[in-house]
Amino acid sequence: MSNSTEKRVKEIRRHTRKKYSAEEKIRVVLEGLRGEESIAELCRREGINQNVYYRWSKEFLEAGKQRLAGDIKREATSNEVTDLKQENDQLKRLLADIMLKNDVLKKSVLGLDSTWEDE
């Protein structure tokens, strides 16, 4: 095979490679941890390289370790997101109001507001 053909084959393989969801990765790692079959057999059956399995296993164990240590990041619920958006809108309105009042005060102090002079 020529060099350009090999590159094309690798590119096709890369683009057609199976994508594993987080749930699938966890399932494979847990099967490996059970030890009912060798890692080599598990990887062969799942169609993955052993290096991939060990990378997933390391990530899985690191995530568990961080979780047990209390270093957690969680996704916000839709209610929390809605509440935060409402609070953000409220703060934006308050800021706009304060900026407007500040502008009026600056103009009145500098004598630039004609409405104050007419009264």
Protein backbone atom coordinates (compact mmCIF):
# COMPACT_ATOMS: atom_id res chain seq x y z
CA MET A 1 0.00 0.00 0.00
CA SER A 2 1.29 3.46 -0.82
CA ASN A 3 1.79 6.07 1.86
CA SER A 4 -1.20 8.18 0.73
CA THR A 5 -3.44 5.09 0.64
CA GLU A 6 -2.43 4.17 4.19
CA LYS A 7 -3.18 7.70 5.35
CA ARG A 8 -6.59 7.56 3.67
CA VAL A 9 -7.39 4.19 5.29
CA LYS A 10 -6.38 5.54 8.73
CA GLU A 11 -8.53 8.62 8.17
CA ILE A 12 -11.54 6.49 7.21
CA ARG A 13 -11.04 4.26 10.25
CA ARG A 14 -10.79 7.31 12.51
CA HIS A 15 -14.04 8.75 11.16
CA THR A 16 -15.92 5.45 11.31
CA ARG A 17 -14.65 4.49 14.76
CA LYS A 18 -17.41 3.59 17.21
CA LYS A 19 -18.17 6.24 19.79
CA TYR A 20 -18.83 4.90 23.28
CA SER A 21 -21.22 6.68 25.64
CA ALA A 22 -20.27 7.21 29.27
CA GLU A 23 -22.68 4.43 30.25
CA GLU A 24 -21.03 1.98 27.83
CA LYS A 25 -17.57 2.85 29.13
CA ILE A 26 -18.70 2.33 32.73
CA ARG A 27 -20.28 -1.01 31.82
CA VAL A 28 -17.05 -2.22 30.18
CA VAL A 29 -14.88 -1.02 33.09
CA LEU A 30 -17.15 -2.67 35.66
CA GLU A 31 -17.07 -5.95 33.70
CA GLY A 32 -13.29 -5.75 33.74
CA LEU A 33 -13.23 -5.09 37.48
CA ARG A 34 -15.46 -8.12 38.12
CA GLY A 35 -12.67 -10.31 36.73
CA GLU A 36 -15.00 -12.92 35.24
CA GLU A 37 -12.90 -12.89 32.06
CA SER A 38 -9.48 -11.55 31.19
CA ILE A 39 -9.08 -7.94 30.09
CA ALA A 40 -7.77 -9.20 26.75
CA GLU A 41 -10.94 -11.29 26.19
CA LEU A 42 -13.19 -8.42 27.29
CA CYS A 43 -11.44 -5.98 24.95
CA ARG A 44 -11.60 -8.42 22.06
CA ARG A 45 -15.32 -8.96 22.64
CA GLU A 46 -15.97 -5.20 22.91
CA GLY A 47 -13.73 -4.38 19.95
CA ILE A 48 -11.45 -2.01 21.83
CA ASN A 49 -7.72 -1.83 22.39
CA GLN A 50 -6.51 -2.79 25.88
CA ASN A 51 -4.90 0.66 26.21
CA VAL A 52 -8.36 2.19 25.74
CA TYR A 53 -9.78 -0.05 28.47
CA TYR A 54 -7.02 0.91 30.91
CA ARG A 55 -7.49 4.64 30.12
CA TRP A 56 -11.24 4.32 30.79
CA SER A 57 -10.54 2.39 33.97
CA LYS A 58 -8.11 5.04 35.21
CA GLU A 59 -10.60 7.85 34.43
CA PHE A 60 -13.37 5.92 36.18
CA LEU A 61 -11.31 5.34 39.32
CA GLU A 62 -10.03 8.95 39.39
CA ALA A 63 -13.59 10.26 39.13
CA GLY A 64 -14.63 8.00 42.00
CA LYS A 65 -11.69 9.14 44.09
CA GLN A 66 -12.52 12.82 43.49
CA ARG A 67 -16.16 12.21 44.33
CA LEU A 68 -15.24 10.51 47.61
CA ALA A 69 -12.90 13.39 48.43
CA GLY A 70 -15.80 15.78 48.04
CA ASP A 71 -14.55 17.44 44.84
CA ILE A 72 -17.81 17.31 42.94
CA LYS A 73 -19.12 19.28 40.03
CA ARG A 74 -22.75 18.74 39.24
CA GLU A 75 -25.01 19.94 36.52
CA ALA A 76 -27.61 22.52 37.48
CA THR A 77 -31.22 21.42 37.34
CA SER A 78 -33.60 23.17 34.96
CA ASN A 79 -35.31 24.87 37.94
CA GLU A 80 -31.97 26.20 39.15
CA VAL A 81 -31.15 27.48 35.67
CA THR A 82 -34.56 29.21 35.44
CA ASP A 83 -34.08 30.80 38.87
CA LEU A 84 -30.59 31.99 37.94
CA LYS A 85 -31.85 33.49 34.67
CA GLN A 86 -34.59 35.36 36.52
CA GLU A 87 -32.12 36.64 39.09
CA ASN A 88 -29.76 37.69 36.31
CA ASP A 89 -32.55 39.63 34.53
CA GLN A 90 -33.50 41.31 37.82
CA LEU A 91 -29.89 42.33 38.47
CA LYS A 92 -29.56 43.70 34.93
CA ARG A 93 -32.68 45.85 35.42
CA LEU A 94 -31.37 47.12 38.79
CA LEU A 95 -28.02 47.96 37.24
CA ALA A 96 -29.67 49.81 34.35
CA ASP A 97 -31.81 51.77 36.83
CA ILE A 98 -28.80 52.72 38.95
CA MET A 99 -26.81 53.74 35.86
CA LEU A 100 -29.70 55.94 34.71
CA LYS A 101 -29.97 57.62 38.13
CA ASN A 102 -26.21 58.07 38.20
CA ASP A 103 -26.32 59.74 34.78
CA VAL A 104 -29.09 62.11 35.92
CA LEU A 105 -27.13 63.02 39.06
CA LYS A 106 -23.96 63.70 37.08
CA LYS A 107 -25.82 65.98 34.70
CA SER A 108 -27.53 67.85 37.55
CA VAL A 109 -24.28 68.37 39.44
CA LEU A 110 -22.56 69.64 36.30
CA GLY A 111 -25.56 71.85 35.44
CA LEU A 112 -26.24 70.04 32.20
CA ASP A 113 -29.83 69.06 32.95
CA SER A 114 -32.20 71.64 31.49
CA THR A 115 -35.19 70.15 33.31
CA TRP A 116 -33.73 71.26 36.66
CA GLU A 117 -33.09 74.77 35.40
CA ASP A 118 -36.67 75.27 34.11
CA GLU A 119 -38.23 74.63 37.50
